[in-house]
């Protein structure tokens, strides 16, 4: 199938061939190979032979690309804000509306060309501008889902190789980390369980957080997060403990500890790590961001170099 990338006026700018992997109504996924010279971007290097798995829609204002090195290592995901694709039996045309979003394997998301997008969108009819703007949040959510599935596979592989078990201790996330971990079939082989330690009493009695820590440092502190991770290892007799504590909002913050302040920690035979973040989202967004931060910390802790797990395969792109 021939793919034609067009500008916002519908004028063709780039054309290339792709092999159709699946076609379902208004959705086509195809495989294309990067044949141009090496192109180094600030966030990824594209090399000859790189494999693009590209999904286009006739009813959505975006597309999604999964990019891999020719030997299979995931390089990341890329999405364009576009008009709905125009498809025939032999061709796909899509109009680039400037805004692009990149998701790296380590969970870093970048939004690209925002100024160009804002300038271009003012030239579009109001209904098109609204559709394009609305697609941005949908794309970000979908890329986060893709990354969580990849992180889940990565963590499962790292734990299984060591024959280690995992337990979670969660406060502000309310079980969200464990929920993501158990989305993966077979997670019972390494995930033992979790403790939702929402109150200080549960933190003390089930996880063994010191009363002095809670009194002097508070439940939202690096010290408390680390003691929670240590405590879940003891309580559940697991090799690795990961924890989260924070202020999800919208109330409960202070000058010293604002809404959105969270700590995630991990404890294992490899050592211990704590990470501090301050999010600026609503309550649900702060919880999700904290859960993702815990997964990222766990990945770094278990394997530092993502390239070491190149044999871990992310699942194919799914529609939302």
C-alpha atoms as a PDB file:
ATOM      1  CA  UNK A   1       0.000   0.000   0.000  1.00  0.00           C
ATOM      2  CA  UNK A   2       1.210   3.507  -0.829  1.00  0.00           C
ATOM      3  CA  UNK A   3       1.208   6.074   2.005  1.00  0.00           C
ATOM      4  CA  UNK A   4       1.123   9.789   1.221  1.00  0.00           C
ATOM      5  CA  UNK A   5       1.949  12.347   3.896  1.00  0.00           C
ATOM      6  CA  UNK A   6       0.358  15.684   3.014  1.00  0.00           C
ATOM      7  CA  UNK A   7       0.563  19.181   4.462  1.00  0.00           C
ATOM      8  CA  UNK A   8      -2.459  20.841   6.065  1.00  0.00           C
ATOM      9  CA  UNK A   9      -3.648  21.950   2.603  1.00  0.00           C
ATOM     10  CA  UNK A  10      -3.771  18.335   1.420  1.00  0.00           C
ATOM     11  CA  UNK A  11      -0.713  18.679  -0.835  1.00  0.00           C
ATOM     12  CA  UNK A  12       1.424  15.516  -0.937  1.00  0.00           C
ATOM     13  CA  UNK A  13       4.919  15.975   0.532  1.00  0.00           C
ATOM     14  CA  UNK A  14       6.245  12.444   1.153  1.00  0.00           C
ATOM     15  CA  UNK A  15       5.194   9.055  -0.262  1.00  0.00           C
ATOM     16  CA  UNK A  16       6.396   5.574   0.611  1.00  0.00           C
ATOM     17  CA  UNK A  17       5.357   1.911   0.542  1.00  0.00           C
ATOM     18  CA  UNK A  18       4.019  -0.137   3.461  1.00  0.00           C
ATOM     19  CA  UNK A  19       2.828  -3.711   3.935  1.00  0.00           C
ATOM     20  CA  UNK A  20      -0.666  -4.015   5.405  1.00  0.00           C
ATOM     21  CA  UNK A  21      -0.721  -5.963   8.694  1.00  0.00           C
ATOM     22  CA  UNK A  22      -4.426  -5.528   9.441  1.00  0.00           C
ATOM     23  CA  UNK A  23      -7.438  -3.652   8.145  1.00  0.00           C
ATOM     24  CA  UNK A  24     -10.641  -3.270  10.107  1.00  0.00           C
ATOM     25  CA  UNK A  25     -13.204  -0.840   8.777  1.00  0.00           C
ATOM     26  CA  UNK A  26     -11.741   2.617   9.228  1.00  0.00           C
ATOM     27  CA  UNK A  27      -8.457   1.439  10.717  1.00  0.00           C
ATOM     28  CA  UNK A  28      -5.339   0.209   8.909  1.00  0.00           C
ATOM     29  CA  UNK A  29      -2.066  -0.929  10.470  1.00  0.00           C
ATOM     30  CA  UNK A  30       0.908  -1.390   8.194  1.00  0.00           C
ATOM     31  CA  UNK A  31       4.637  -2.034   8.362  1.00  0.00           C
ATOM     32  CA  UNK A  32       7.090   0.316   6.682  1.00  0.00           C
ATOM     33  CA  UNK A  33      10.896   0.408   6.571  1.00  0.00           C
ATOM     34  CA  UNK A  34      12.979   3.574   6.955  1.00  0.00           C
ATOM     35  CA  UNK A  35      15.036   3.742   3.753  1.00  0.00           C
ATOM     36  CA  UNK A  36      16.317   7.314   3.971  1.00  0.00           C
ATOM     37  CA  UNK A  37      19.768   8.262   5.294  1.00  0.00           C
ATOM     38  CA  UNK A  38      20.294   8.305   9.052  1.00  0.00           C
ATOM     39  CA  UNK A  39      18.438  11.187  10.666  1.00  0.00           C
ATOM     40  CA  UNK A  40      19.409  12.277  14.182  1.00  0.00           C
ATOM     41  CA  UNK A  41      16.675  14.085  16.091  1.00  0.00           C
ATOM     42  CA  UNK A  42      16.935  15.423  19.653  1.00  0.00           C
ATOM     43  CA  UNK A  43      14.893  12.494  20.958  1.00  0.00           C
ATOM     44  CA  UNK A  44      15.713   9.574  18.595  1.00  0.00           C
ATOM     45  CA  UNK A  45      18.025   8.537  15.776  1.00  0.00           C
ATOM     46  CA  UNK A  46      16.334   7.013  12.739  1.00  0.00           C
ATOM     47  CA  UNK A  47      18.510   4.579  10.773  1.00  0.00           C
ATOM     48  CA  UNK A  48      18.108   2.666   7.555  1.00  0.00           C
ATOM     49  CA  UNK A  49      16.248  -0.551   8.275  1.00  0.00           C
ATOM     50  CA  UNK A  50      14.265   0.791  11.236  1.00  0.00           C
ATOM     51  CA  UNK A  51      10.789  -0.738  11.318  1.00  0.00           C
ATOM     52  CA  UNK A  52       7.699   1.462  11.624  1.00  0.00           C
ATOM     53  CA  UNK A  53       4.367  -0.112  12.578  1.00  0.00           C
ATOM     54  CA  UNK A  54       1.899   2.605  11.614  1.00  0.00           C
ATOM     55  CA  UNK A  55      -1.811   2.838  12.417  1.00  0.00           C
ATOM     56  CA  UNK A  56      -4.132   5.212  10.552  1.00  0.00           C
ATOM     57  CA  UNK A  57      -7.814   5.966  11.175  1.00  0.00           C
ATOM     58  CA  UNK A  58     -10.616   7.384   9.054  1.00  0.00           C
ATOM     59  CA  UNK A  59     -12.510   8.615  12.121  1.00  0.00           C
ATOM     60  CA  UNK A  60      -9.777  10.007  14.382  1.00  0.00           C
ATOM     61  CA  UNK A  61      -7.630  13.097  14.295  1.00  0.00           C
ATOM     62  CA  UNK A  62      -4.303  11.347  14.836  1.00  0.00           C
ATOM     63  CA  UNK A  63      -2.123   8.443  13.786  1.00  0.00           C
ATOM     64  CA  UNK A  64       0.255   6.256  15.824  1.00  0.00           C
ATOM     65  CA  UNK A  65       3.680   4.858  14.936  1.00  0.00           C
ATOM     66  CA  UNK A  66       5.712   2.289  16.843  1.00  0.00           C
ATOM     67  CA  UNK A  67       9.401   2.490  15.890  1.00  0.00           C
ATOM     68  CA  UNK A  68      11.957  -0.294  16.318  1.00  0.00           C
ATOM     69  CA  UNK A  69      15.551  -0.910  15.370  1.00  0.00           C
ATOM     70  CA  UNK A  70      15.879  -3.532  12.619  1.00  0.00           C
ATOM     71  CA  UNK A  71      16.985  -6.099  15.243  1.00  0.00           C
ATOM     72  CA  UNK A  72      13.825  -5.494  17.287  1.00  0.00           C
ATOM     73  CA  UNK A  73      14.810  -3.048  20.018  1.00  0.00           C
ATOM     74  CA  UNK A  74      12.044  -0.553  20.718  1.00  0.00           C
ATOM     75  CA  UNK A  75      13.009   3.050  19.974  1.00  0.00           C
ATOM     76  CA  UNK A  76       9.692   4.605  20.966  1.00  0.00           C
ATOM     77  CA  UNK A  77       6.255   5.705  19.823  1.00  0.00           C
ATOM     78  CA  UNK A  78       5.361   8.694  17.689  1.00  0.00           C
ATOM     79  CA  UNK A  79       1.980  10.279  17.052  1.00  0.00           C
ATOM     80  CA  UNK A  80       0.862  13.020  14.684  1.00  0.00           C
ATOM     81  CA  UNK A  81      -2.206  15.191  15.036  1.00  0.00           C
ATOM     82  CA  UNK A  82      -3.870  14.898  11.630  1.00  0.00           C
ATOM     83  CA  UNK A  83      -7.140  15.070   9.817  1.00  0.00           C
ATOM     84  CA  UNK A  84      -8.807  11.637   9.541  1.00  0.00           C
ATOM     85  CA  UNK A  85      -6.969   9.573   6.944  1.00  0.00           C
ATOM     86  CA  UNK A  86      -8.349   9.072   3.452  1.00  0.00           C
ATOM     87  CA  UNK A  87      -8.107   5.433   2.382  1.00  0.00           C
ATOM     88  CA  UNK A  88      -8.635   3.483  -0.811  1.00  0.00           C
ATOM     89  CA  UNK A  89      -7.719  -0.110  -1.649  1.00  0.00           C
ATOM     90  CA  UNK A  90      -4.219   0.981  -2.629  1.00  0.00           C
ATOM     91  CA  UNK A  91      -3.485   4.329  -0.954  1.00  0.00           C
ATOM     92  CA  UNK A  92      -3.586   6.194   2.357  1.00  0.00           C
ATOM     93  CA  UNK A  93      -3.448   9.977   2.472  1.00  0.00           C
ATOM     94  CA  UNK A  94      -3.097  11.921   5.701  1.00  0.00           C
ATOM     95  CA  UNK A  95      -2.725  15.626   6.453  1.00  0.00           C
ATOM     96  CA  UNK A  96      -0.056  16.633   8.960  1.00  0.00           C
ATOM     97  CA  UNK A  97      -1.305  19.368  11.335  1.00  0.00           C
ATOM     98  CA  UNK A  98       2.163  20.052  12.800  1.00  0.00           C
ATOM     99  CA  UNK A  99       1.758  18.837  16.398  1.00  0.00           C
ATOM    100  CA  UNK A 100       3.687  15.642  17.171  1.00  0.00           C
ATOM    101  CA  UNK A 101       4.036  13.676  20.413  1.00  0.00           C
ATOM    102  CA  UNK A 102       6.911  11.325  21.233  1.00  0.00           C
ATOM    103  CA  UNK A 103       7.010   8.649  23.937  1.00  0.00           C
ATOM    104  CA  UNK A 104      10.378   7.087  24.764  1.00  0.00           C
ATOM    105  CA  UNK A 105      10.822   3.578  26.206  1.00  0.00           C
ATOM    106  CA  UNK A 106      11.827   5.123  29.550  1.00  0.00           C
ATOM    107  CA  UNK A 107       8.424   6.824  29.808  1.00  0.00           C
ATOM    108  CA  UNK A 108       9.529  10.319  28.789  1.00  0.00           C
ATOM    109  CA  UNK A 109       6.870  12.121  26.750  1.00  0.00           C
ATOM    110  CA  UNK A 110       7.680  15.111  24.539  1.00  0.00           C
ATOM    111  CA  UNK A 111       5.198  17.374  22.760  1.00  0.00           C
ATOM    112  CA  UNK A 112       6.747  18.842  19.618  1.00  0.00           C
ATOM    113  CA  UNK A 113       6.029  21.894  17.461  1.00  0.00           C
ATOM    114  CA  UNK A 114       3.359  23.377  19.719  1.00  0.00           C
ATOM    115  CA  UNK A 115       3.934  26.926  18.448  1.00  0.00           C
ATOM    116  CA  UNK A 116       3.604  25.816  14.837  1.00  0.00           C
ATOM    117  CA  UNK A 117       0.425  23.937  15.727  1.00  0.00           C
ATOM    118  CA  UNK A 118      -1.114  26.997  17.383  1.00  0.00           C
ATOM    119  CA  UNK A 119      -0.324  29.124  14.347  1.00  0.00           C
ATOM    120  CA  UNK A 120      -1.685  26.563  11.895  1.00  0.00           C
ATOM    121  CA  UNK A 121      -4.822  25.783  13.847  1.00  0.00           C
ATOM    122  CA  UNK A 122      -5.967  29.390  13.672  1.00  0.00           C
ATOM    123  CA  UNK A 123      -6.269  28.959   9.900  1.00  0.00           C
ATOM    124  CA  UNK A 124      -8.613  25.964  10.182  1.00  0.00           C
ATOM    125  CA  UNK A 125     -12.416  26.035  10.328  1.00  0.00           C
ATOM    126  CA  UNK A 126     -13.634  26.129  13.966  1.00  0.00           C
ATOM    127  CA  UNK A 127     -14.927  22.547  13.886  1.00  0.00           C
ATOM    128  CA  UNK A 128     -11.593  21.230  12.579  1.00  0.00           C
ATOM    129  CA  UNK A 129      -9.618  23.264  15.108  1.00  0.00           C
ATOM    130  CA  UNK A 130     -11.743  21.863  17.939  1.00  0.00           C
ATOM    131  CA  UNK A 131     -11.290  18.290  16.705  1.00  0.00           C
ATOM    132  CA  UNK A 132      -7.524  18.705  16.408  1.00  0.00           C
ATOM    133  CA  UNK A 133      -7.224  20.207  19.882  1.00  0.00           C
ATOM    134  CA  UNK A 134      -9.388  17.474  21.365  1.00  0.00           C
ATOM    135  CA  UNK A 135      -7.201  14.767  19.850  1.00  0.00           C
ATOM    136  CA  UNK A 136      -4.131  15.862  21.822  1.00  0.00           C
ATOM    137  CA  UNK A 137      -5.361  14.510  25.164  1.00  0.00           C
ATOM    138  CA  UNK A 138      -6.519  11.271  23.502  1.00  0.00           C
ATOM    139  CA  UNK A 139      -3.083  10.719  21.965  1.00  0.00           C
ATOM    140  CA  UNK A 140      -1.275  11.376  25.239  1.00  0.00           C
ATOM    141  CA  UNK A 141      -3.512   8.892  27.031  1.00  0.00           C
ATOM    142  CA  UNK A 142      -2.972   6.264  24.338  1.00  0.00           C
ATOM    143  CA  UNK A 143       0.806   6.691  24.379  1.00  0.00           C
ATOM    144  CA  UNK A 144       0.803   6.301  28.163  1.00  0.00           C
ATOM    145  CA  UNK A 145      -1.157   3.056  27.769  1.00  0.00           C
ATOM    146  CA  UNK A 146       1.344   1.805  25.217  1.00  0.00           C
ATOM    147  CA  UNK A 147       4.225   2.656  27.523  1.00  0.00           C
ATOM    148  CA  UNK A 148       2.624   1.020  30.584  1.00  0.00           C
ATOM    149  CA  UNK A 149       2.252  -2.236  28.675  1.00  0.00           C
ATOM    150  CA  UNK A 150       5.894  -2.041  27.610  1.00  0.00           C
ATOM    151  CA  UNK A 151       7.019  -1.207  31.171  1.00  0.00           C
ATOM    152  CA  UNK A 152       4.965  -4.120  32.465  1.00  0.00           C
ATOM    153  CA  UNK A 153       6.709  -6.518  30.069  1.00  0.00           C
ATOM    154  CA  UNK A 154      10.096  -5.042  30.944  1.00  0.00           C
ATOM    155  CA  UNK A 155       9.540  -5.369  34.703  1.00  0.00           C
ATOM    156  CA  UNK A 156       8.191  -8.915  34.334  1.00  0.00           C
ATOM    157  CA  UNK A 157      11.270  -9.915  32.359  1.00  0.00           C
ATOM    158  CA  UNK A 158      13.678  -8.328  34.855  1.00  0.00           C
ATOM    159  CA  UNK A 159      11.990 -10.030  37.828  1.00  0.00           C
ATOM    160  CA  UNK A 160      11.649 -13.402  36.128  1.00  0.00           C
ATOM    161  CA  UNK A 161      15.312 -13.495  35.123  1.00  0.00           C
ATOM    162  CA  UNK A 162      16.265 -13.095  38.778  1.00  0.00           C
ATOM    163  CA  UNK A 163      13.426 -15.287  40.080  1.00  0.00           C
ATOM    164  CA  UNK A 164      12.345 -12.358  42.284  1.00  0.00           C
ATOM    165  CA  UNK A 165       8.919 -11.446  43.634  1.00  0.00           C
ATOM    166  CA  UNK A 166       7.352  -7.985  43.887  1.00  0.00           C
ATOM    167  CA  UNK A 167       5.022  -6.314  46.364  1.00  0.00           C
ATOM    168  CA  UNK A 168       3.486  -2.819  46.443  1.00  0.00           C
ATOM    169  CA  UNK A 169       2.781  -0.399  49.287  1.00  0.00           C
ATOM    170  CA  UNK A 170       0.495   2.408  48.153  1.00  0.00           C
ATOM    171  CA  UNK A 171      -1.003   5.429  49.803  1.00  0.00           C
ATOM    172  CA  UNK A 172      -2.011   8.241  47.409  1.00  0.00           C
ATOM    173  CA  UNK A 173      -2.238   5.904  44.404  1.00  0.00           C
ATOM    174  CA  UNK A 174      -4.811   3.705  46.138  1.00  0.00           C
ATOM    175  CA  UNK A 175      -3.728   0.464  44.477  1.00  0.00           C
ATOM    176  CA  UNK A 176      -3.063   1.868  41.013  1.00  0.00           C
ATOM    177  CA  UNK A 177       0.467   0.431  40.743  1.00  0.00           C
ATOM    178  CA  UNK A 178      -0.752  -3.060  41.567  1.00  0.00           C
ATOM    179  CA  UNK A 179      -3.626  -2.630  39.137  1.00  0.00           C
ATOM    180  CA  UNK A 180      -1.227  -1.896  36.263  1.00  0.00           C
ATOM    181  CA  UNK A 181       1.097  -4.754  37.231  1.00  0.00           C
ATOM    182  CA  UNK A 182      -1.789  -7.236  37.262  1.00  0.00           C
ATOM    183  CA  UNK A 183      -3.019  -6.099  33.834  1.00  0.00           C
ATOM    184  CA  UNK A 184      -0.326  -8.374  32.451  1.00  0.00           C
ATOM    185  CA  UNK A 185      -1.330 -12.047  32.074  1.00  0.00           C
ATOM    186  CA  UNK A 186       0.918 -14.268  34.155  1.00  0.00           C
ATOM    187  CA  UNK A 187       1.777 -11.573  36.681  1.00  0.00           C
ATOM    188  CA  UNK A 188       0.949 -13.976  39.535  1.00  0.00           C
ATOM    189  CA  UNK A 189       4.302 -15.656  38.828  1.00  0.00           C
ATOM    190  CA  UNK A 190       6.157 -12.684  40.341  1.00  0.00           C
ATOM    191  CA  UNK A 191       3.601 -10.298  41.886  1.00  0.00           C
ATOM    192  CA  UNK A 192       2.652 -11.421  45.388  1.00  0.00           C
ATOM    193  CA  UNK A 193       0.292  -8.616  46.373  1.00  0.00           C
ATOM    194  CA  UNK A 194      -0.025  -5.112  47.715  1.00  0.00           C
ATOM    195  CA  UNK A 195      -1.004  -3.114  50.770  1.00  0.00           C
ATOM    196  CA  UNK A 196      -3.064   0.053  50.407  1.00  0.00           C
ATOM    197  CA  UNK A 197      -1.761   1.947  53.428  1.00  0.00           C
ATOM    198  CA  UNK A 198      -3.924   5.031  53.202  1.00  0.00           C
ATOM    199  CA  UNK A 199      -3.950   5.845  56.903  1.00  0.00           C
ATOM    200  CA  UNK A 200      -0.943   6.404  59.128  1.00  0.00           C
ATOM    201  CA  UNK A 201      -2.165   3.596  61.370  1.00  0.00           C
ATOM    202  CA  UNK A 202      -1.911   1.085  58.526  1.00  0.00           C
ATOM    203  CA  UNK A 203       1.489   2.475  57.570  1.00  0.00           C
ATOM    204  CA  UNK A 204       2.664   1.812  61.114  1.00  0.00           C
ATOM    205  CA  UNK A 205       0.950  -1.478  61.935  1.00  0.00           C
ATOM    206  CA  UNK A 206       1.208  -3.321  58.596  1.00  0.00           C
ATOM    207  CA  UNK A 207       4.307  -1.766  57.071  1.00  0.00           C
ATOM    208  CA  UNK A 208       6.287  -0.907  60.184  1.00  0.00           C
ATOM    209  CA  UNK A 209       6.749   2.787  59.394  1.00  0.00           C
ATOM    210  CA  UNK A 210       8.253   4.393  62.481  1.00  0.00           C
ATOM    211  CA  UNK A 211       6.032   6.681  64.526  1.00  0.00           C
ATOM    212  CA  UNK A 212       8.948   9.118  64.753  1.00  0.00           C
ATOM    213  CA  UNK A 213       9.131   9.262  60.956  1.00  0.00           C
ATOM    214  CA  UNK A 214       5.459  10.125  60.677  1.00  0.00           C
ATOM    215  CA  UNK A 215       5.666  12.689  63.483  1.00  0.00           C
ATOM    216  CA  UNK A 216       8.878  14.395  62.389  1.00  0.00           C
ATOM    217  CA  UNK A 217       8.881  13.962  58.603  1.00  0.00           C
ATOM    218  CA  UNK A 218       5.258  13.236  57.854  1.00  0.00           C
ATOM    219  CA  UNK A 219       3.511  10.619  55.763  1.00  0.00           C
ATOM    220  CA  UNK A 220       4.460  12.521  52.621  1.00  0.00           C
ATOM    221  CA  UNK A 221       8.221  12.320  52.823  1.00  0.00           C
ATOM    222  CA  UNK A 222      11.155  10.451  51.345  1.00  0.00           C
ATOM    223  CA  UNK A 223      11.715   8.715  54.669  1.00  0.00           C
ATOM    224  CA  UNK A 224       8.152   7.431  54.856  1.00  0.00           C
ATOM    225  CA  UNK A 225       8.182   6.235  51.240  1.00  0.00           C
ATOM    226  CA  UNK A 226      11.389   4.288  51.826  1.00  0.00           C
ATOM    227  CA  UNK A 227      10.114   2.709  55.043  1.00  0.00           C
ATOM    228  CA  UNK A 228       6.933   1.694  53.212  1.00  0.00           C
ATOM    229  CA  UNK A 229       8.985  -0.039  50.492  1.00  0.00           C
ATOM    230  CA  UNK A 230      11.125  -1.752  53.126  1.00  0.00           C
ATOM    231  CA  UNK A 231       8.054  -2.702  55.121  1.00  0.00           C
ATOM    232  CA  UNK A 232       6.175  -4.365  52.290  1.00  0.00           C
ATOM    233  CA  UNK A 233       9.232  -6.520  51.610  1.00  0.00           C
ATOM    234  CA  UNK A 234       9.106  -7.748  55.209  1.00  0.00           C
ATOM    235  CA  UNK A 235       5.341  -8.088  55.500  1.00  0.00           C
ATOM    236  CA  UNK A 236       4.814  -9.922  52.208  1.00  0.00           C
ATOM    237  CA  UNK A 237       8.194 -11.682  52.176  1.00  0.00           C
ATOM    238  CA  UNK A 238       9.026 -10.408  48.690  1.00  0.00           C
ATOM    239  CA  UNK A 239      12.333  -9.549  47.078  1.00  0.00           C
ATOM    240  CA  UNK A 240      11.318  -6.143  45.757  1.00  0.00           C
ATOM    241  CA  UNK A 241       9.060  -3.540  47.340  1.00  0.00           C
ATOM    242  CA  UNK A 242       7.824  -0.412  45.579  1.00  0.00           C
ATOM    243  CA  UNK A 243       5.863   2.341  47.318  1.00  0.00           C
ATOM    244  CA  UNK A 244       4.058   5.621  46.718  1.00  0.00           C
ATOM    245  CA  UNK A 245       2.886   8.355  49.069  1.00  0.00           C
ATOM    246  CA  UNK A 246       1.806  11.911  48.374  1.00  0.00           C
ATOM    247  CA  UNK A 247      -0.860  14.608  48.194  1.00  0.00           C
ATOM    248  CA  UNK A 248      -3.179  13.940  45.266  1.00  0.00           C
ATOM    249  CA  UNK A 249      -5.349  16.997  45.941  1.00  0.00           C
ATOM    250  CA  UNK A 250      -7.271  19.089  45.345  1.00  0.00           C
ATOM    251  CA  UNK A 251      -6.846  19.997  49.040  1.00  0.00           C
ATOM    252  CA  UNK A 252      -4.411  18.969  51.743  1.00  0.00           C
ATOM    253  CA  UNK A 253      -1.369  20.887  50.569  1.00  0.00           C
ATOM    254  CA  UNK A 254       0.756  23.504  52.301  1.00  0.00           C
ATOM    255  CA  UNK A 255       3.623  25.841  51.460  1.00  0.00           C
ATOM    256  CA  UNK A 256       6.185  23.177  52.341  1.00  0.00           C
ATOM    257  CA  UNK A 257       4.200  20.288  50.890  1.00  0.00           C
ATOM    258  CA  UNK A 258       2.067  21.463  47.975  1.00  0.00           C
ATOM    259  CA  UNK A 259      -0.715  19.553  46.282  1.00  0.00           C
ATOM    260  CA  UNK A 260       0.890  17.208  43.768  1.00  0.00           C
ATOM    261  CA  UNK A 261       3.936  16.443  45.921  1.00  0.00           C
ATOM    262  CA  UNK A 262       4.624  12.695  45.838  1.00  0.00           C
ATOM    263  CA  UNK A 263       7.407  10.280  46.676  1.00  0.00           C
ATOM    264  CA  UNK A 264       8.000   6.859  45.177  1.00  0.00           C
ATOM    265  CA  UNK A 265      10.553   4.395  46.500  1.00  0.00           C
ATOM    266  CA  UNK A 266      11.937   0.955  45.779  1.00  0.00           C
ATOM    267  CA  UNK A 267      13.805  -1.487  48.017  1.00  0.00           C
ATOM    268  CA  UNK A 268      15.467  -4.697  46.833  1.00  0.00           C
ATOM    269  CA  UNK A 269      18.690  -6.720  47.171  1.00  0.00           C
ATOM    270  CA  UNK A 270      20.154  -4.216  44.682  1.00  0.00           C
ATOM    271  CA  UNK A 271      19.714  -1.319  47.121  1.00  0.00           C
ATOM    272  CA  UNK A 272      17.189   1.432  47.734  1.00  0.00           C
ATOM    273  CA  UNK A 273      16.043   4.519  45.839  1.00  0.00           C
ATOM    274  CA  UNK A 274      13.573   7.334  46.464  1.00  0.00           C
ATOM    275  CA  UNK A 275      12.257   9.880  43.957  1.00  0.00           C
ATOM    276  CA  UNK A 276      10.423  13.147  44.617  1.00  0.00           C
ATOM    277  CA  UNK A 277       7.977  14.687  42.142  1.00  0.00           C
ATOM    278  CA  UNK A 278       5.539  17.589  42.152  1.00  0.00           C
ATOM    279  CA  UNK A 279       2.689  17.203  39.668  1.00  0.00           C
ATOM    280  CA  UNK A 280       0.391  19.987  38.491  1.00  0.00           C
ATOM    281  CA  UNK A 281      -2.621  17.947  37.415  1.00  0.00           C
ATOM    282  CA  UNK A 282      -6.020  17.210  38.950  1.00  0.00           C
ATOM    283  CA  UNK A 283      -6.467  14.458  41.519  1.00  0.00           C
ATOM    284  CA  UNK A 284      -6.794  11.643  38.991  1.00  0.00           C
ATOM    285  CA  UNK A 285      -3.926  12.973  36.915  1.00  0.00           C
ATOM    286  CA  UNK A 286      -1.658  13.233  39.972  1.00  0.00           C
ATOM    287  CA  UNK A 287      -2.443   9.641  40.942  1.00  0.00           C
ATOM    288  CA  UNK A 288      -1.742   8.349  37.443  1.00  0.00           C
ATOM    289  CA  UNK A 289       1.479  10.347  37.174  1.00  0.00           C
ATOM    290  CA  UNK A 290       2.657   8.933  40.502  1.00  0.00           C
ATOM    291  CA  UNK A 291       1.873   5.373  39.446  1.00  0.00           C
ATOM    292  CA  UNK A 292       3.831   5.888  36.229  1.00  0.00           C
ATOM    293  CA  UNK A 293       6.731   7.376  38.198  1.00  0.00           C
ATOM    294  CA  UNK A 294       6.825   4.248  40.367  1.00  0.00           C
ATOM    295  CA  UNK A 295       7.031   2.038  37.258  1.00  0.00           C
ATOM    296  CA  UNK A 296       9.826   4.184  35.810  1.00  0.00           C
ATOM    297  CA  UNK A 297      11.777   4.046  39.068  1.00  0.00           C
ATOM    298  CA  UNK A 298      11.318   0.290  39.237  1.00  0.00           C
ATOM    299  CA  UNK A 299      12.621  -0.076  35.672  1.00  0.00           C
ATOM    300  CA  UNK A 300      15.695   2.040  36.387  1.00  0.00           C
ATOM    301  CA  UNK A 301      16.346   0.192  39.620  1.00  0.00           C
ATOM    302  CA  UNK A 302      16.067  -3.267  38.120  1.00  0.00           C
ATOM    303  CA  UNK A 303      17.948  -2.599  34.946  1.00  0.00           C
ATOM    304  CA  UNK A 304      19.398   0.922  34.565  1.00  0.00           C
ATOM    305  CA  UNK A 305      20.201   0.355  30.869  1.00  0.00           C
ATOM    306  CA  UNK A 306      17.025  -0.248  28.879  1.00  0.00           C
ATOM    307  CA  UNK A 307      19.059  -1.610  25.979  1.00  0.00           C
ATOM    308  CA  UNK A 308      19.961  -4.604  28.125  1.00  0.00           C
ATOM    309  CA  UNK A 309      16.397  -5.871  27.679  1.00  0.00           C
ATOM    310  CA  UNK A 310      16.086  -5.465  23.926  1.00  0.00           C
ATOM    311  CA  UNK A 311      14.450  -8.865  23.742  1.00  0.00           C
ATOM    312  CA  UNK A 312      11.432  -7.576  25.692  1.00  0.00           C
ATOM    313  CA  UNK A 313       8.754  -6.876  23.105  1.00  0.00           C
ATOM    314  CA  UNK A 314       6.096  -4.227  23.458  1.00  0.00           C
ATOM    315  CA  UNK A 315       2.647  -5.391  22.397  1.00  0.00           C
ATOM    316  CA  UNK A 316       1.288  -4.024  19.090  1.00  0.00           C
ATOM    317  CA  UNK A 317      -0.558  -0.728  19.043  1.00  0.00           C
ATOM    318  CA  UNK A 318      -4.188  -0.987  20.096  1.00  0.00           C
ATOM    319  CA  UNK A 319      -7.032   1.325  19.298  1.00  0.00           C
ATOM    320  CA  UNK A 320      -8.693   3.218  22.127  1.00  0.00           C
END
